Amino acid sequence: MITKLDSFSTTQVEDEETPPEGEQSTELSQVKEELSSTKQLLTELTDKFEKALKAPAGDTTDADDEPEGEEGKYSKLL
């Protein structure tokens, strides 16, 4: 193995051994499959996100139903 300097620092790094051609194509195909599935999942997530943005917002609180004053939910905390 040949020792060389990393282009981003002064740290010495060793060259990686190149895998045999068959092994390299297997690894490459695995990476391509993983990338493809990741791309598909990202597309699905983007579609769901866009759908959620277009959906009307619902009421999140029923503040009018909360008692106020002495009977209030947090009156004893004050």
C-alpha atoms as a PDB file:
ATOM      1  CA  MET A   1       0.000   0.000   0.000  1.00  0.00           C
ATOM      2  CA  ILE A   2       1.086   3.508  -0.744  1.00  0.00           C
ATOM      3  CA  THR A   3       0.929   6.174   1.944  1.00  0.00           C
ATOM      4  CA  LYS A   4      -0.140   9.644   0.836  1.00  0.00           C
ATOM      5  CA  LEU A   5      -1.341  12.885   2.377  1.00  0.00           C
ATOM      6  CA  ASP A   6      -5.058  13.554   2.564  1.00  0.00           C
ATOM      7  CA  SER A   7      -6.023  16.495   0.338  1.00  0.00           C
ATOM      8  CA  PHE A   8      -7.943  18.159   3.189  1.00  0.00           C
ATOM      9  CA  SER A   9      -5.355  17.831   5.915  1.00  0.00           C
ATOM     10  CA  THR A  10      -1.826  16.815   6.653  1.00  0.00           C
ATOM     11  CA  THR A  11      -2.907  13.420   7.980  1.00  0.00           C
ATOM     12  CA  GLN A  12      -1.389  10.459   6.244  1.00  0.00           C
ATOM     13  CA  VAL A  13      -3.900   7.999   4.828  1.00  0.00           C
ATOM     14  CA  GLU A  14      -3.441   4.674   3.135  1.00  0.00           C
ATOM     15  CA  ASP A  15      -4.839   3.956  -0.322  1.00  0.00           C
ATOM     16  CA  GLU A  16      -7.864   1.702  -0.347  1.00  0.00           C
ATOM     17  CA  GLU A  17      -7.541  -1.588  -2.084  1.00  0.00           C
ATOM     18  CA  THR A  18      -9.732  -1.826  -5.160  1.00  0.00           C
ATOM     19  CA  PRO A  19     -12.124  -4.772  -4.842  1.00  0.00           C
ATOM     20  CA  PRO A  20     -12.280  -7.336  -7.625  1.00  0.00           C
ATOM     21  CA  GLU A  21     -14.531  -6.402 -10.560  1.00  0.00           C
ATOM     22  CA  GLY A  22     -17.377  -8.794  -9.656  1.00  0.00           C
ATOM     23  CA  GLU A  23     -17.402  -7.722  -6.040  1.00  0.00           C
ATOM     24  CA  GLN A  24     -17.370  -4.066  -7.056  1.00  0.00           C
ATOM     25  CA  SER A  25     -20.397  -4.455  -9.332  1.00  0.00           C
ATOM     26  CA  THR A  26     -22.297  -6.282  -6.574  1.00  0.00           C
ATOM     27  CA  GLU A  27     -21.617  -3.481  -4.122  1.00  0.00           C
ATOM     28  CA  LEU A  28     -22.541  -0.904  -6.750  1.00  0.00           C
ATOM     29  CA  SER A  29     -25.856  -2.616  -7.489  1.00  0.00           C
ATOM     30  CA  GLN A  30     -26.648  -2.772  -3.758  1.00  0.00           C
ATOM     31  CA  VAL A  31     -25.959   0.941  -3.426  1.00  0.00           C
ATOM     32  CA  LYS A  32     -28.134   1.670  -6.472  1.00  0.00           C
ATOM     33  CA  GLU A  33     -31.015  -0.381  -5.012  1.00  0.00           C
ATOM     34  CA  GLU A  34     -30.729   1.394  -1.685  1.00  0.00           C
ATOM     35  CA  LEU A  35     -30.616   4.780  -3.388  1.00  0.00           C
ATOM     36  CA  SER A  36     -33.663   3.896  -5.472  1.00  0.00           C
ATOM     37  CA  SER A  37     -35.687   2.822  -2.430  1.00  0.00           C
ATOM     38  CA  THR A  38     -34.596   5.936  -0.543  1.00  0.00           C
ATOM     39  CA  LYS A  39     -35.671   8.096  -3.466  1.00  0.00           C
ATOM     40  CA  GLN A  40     -39.068   6.352  -3.558  1.00  0.00           C
ATOM     41  CA  LEU A  41     -39.578   6.836   0.190  1.00  0.00           C
ATOM     42  CA  LEU A  42     -38.592  10.494  -0.087  1.00  0.00           C
ATOM     43  CA  THR A  43     -41.123  10.986  -2.887  1.00  0.00           C
ATOM     44  CA  GLU A  44     -43.856   9.354  -0.775  1.00  0.00           C
ATOM     45  CA  LEU A  45     -42.949  11.503   2.227  1.00  0.00           C
ATOM     46  CA  THR A  46     -42.969  14.658   0.100  1.00  0.00           C
ATOM     47  CA  ASP A  47     -46.417  13.760  -1.259  1.00  0.00           C
ATOM     48  CA  LYS A  48     -47.757  13.218   2.270  1.00  0.00           C
ATOM     49  CA  PHE A  49     -46.234  16.508   3.421  1.00  0.00           C
ATOM     50  CA  GLU A  50     -47.773  18.435   0.515  1.00  0.00           C
ATOM     51  CA  LYS A  51     -51.147  16.799   1.199  1.00  0.00           C
ATOM     52  CA  ALA A  52     -50.907  17.768   4.873  1.00  0.00           C
ATOM     53  CA  LEU A  53     -50.107  21.365   3.967  1.00  0.00           C
ATOM     54  CA  LYS A  54     -53.189  21.575   1.750  1.00  0.00           C
ATOM     55  CA  ALA A  55     -55.526  20.074   4.372  1.00  0.00           C
ATOM     56  CA  PRO A  56     -57.576  22.585   6.379  1.00  0.00           C
ATOM     57  CA  ALA A  57     -56.460  23.161   9.932  1.00  0.00           C
ATOM     58  CA  GLY A  58     -58.746  21.884  12.649  1.00  0.00           C
ATOM     59  CA  ASP A  59     -59.469  23.447  16.013  1.00  0.00           C
ATOM     60  CA  THR A  60     -56.656  22.666  18.382  1.00  0.00           C
ATOM     61  CA  THR A  61     -58.179  24.062  21.568  1.00  0.00           C
ATOM     62  CA  ASP A  62     -61.596  24.628  23.010  1.00  0.00           C
ATOM     63  CA  ALA A  63     -60.646  27.708  24.999  1.00  0.00           C
ATOM     64  CA  ASP A  64     -64.258  28.884  25.183  1.00  0.00           C
ATOM     65  CA  ASP A  65     -65.186  25.713  27.061  1.00  0.00           C
ATOM     66  CA  GLU A  66     -62.562  26.276  29.766  1.00  0.00           C
ATOM     67  CA  PRO A  67     -63.928  27.724  33.004  1.00  0.00           C
ATOM     68  CA  GLU A  68     -62.389  31.025  34.054  1.00  0.00           C
ATOM     69  CA  GLY A  69     -61.838  32.761  37.365  1.00  0.00           C
ATOM     70  CA  GLU A  70     -62.035  30.743  40.600  1.00  0.00           C
ATOM     71  CA  GLU A  71     -63.164  27.654  38.703  1.00  0.00           C
ATOM     72  CA  GLY A  72     -60.408  27.914  36.093  1.00  0.00           C
ATOM     73  CA  LYS A  73     -58.187  24.998  35.242  1.00  0.00           C
ATOM     74  CA  TYR A  74     -55.031  26.735  36.453  1.00  0.00           C
ATOM     75  CA  SER A  75     -56.561  29.028  39.099  1.00  0.00           C
ATOM     76  CA  LYS A  76     -54.917  27.172  41.975  1.00  0.00           C
ATOM     77  CA  LEU A  77     -51.461  27.582  40.454  1.00  0.00           C
ATOM     78  CA  LEU A  78     -51.511  31.378  40.774  1.00  0.00           C
END
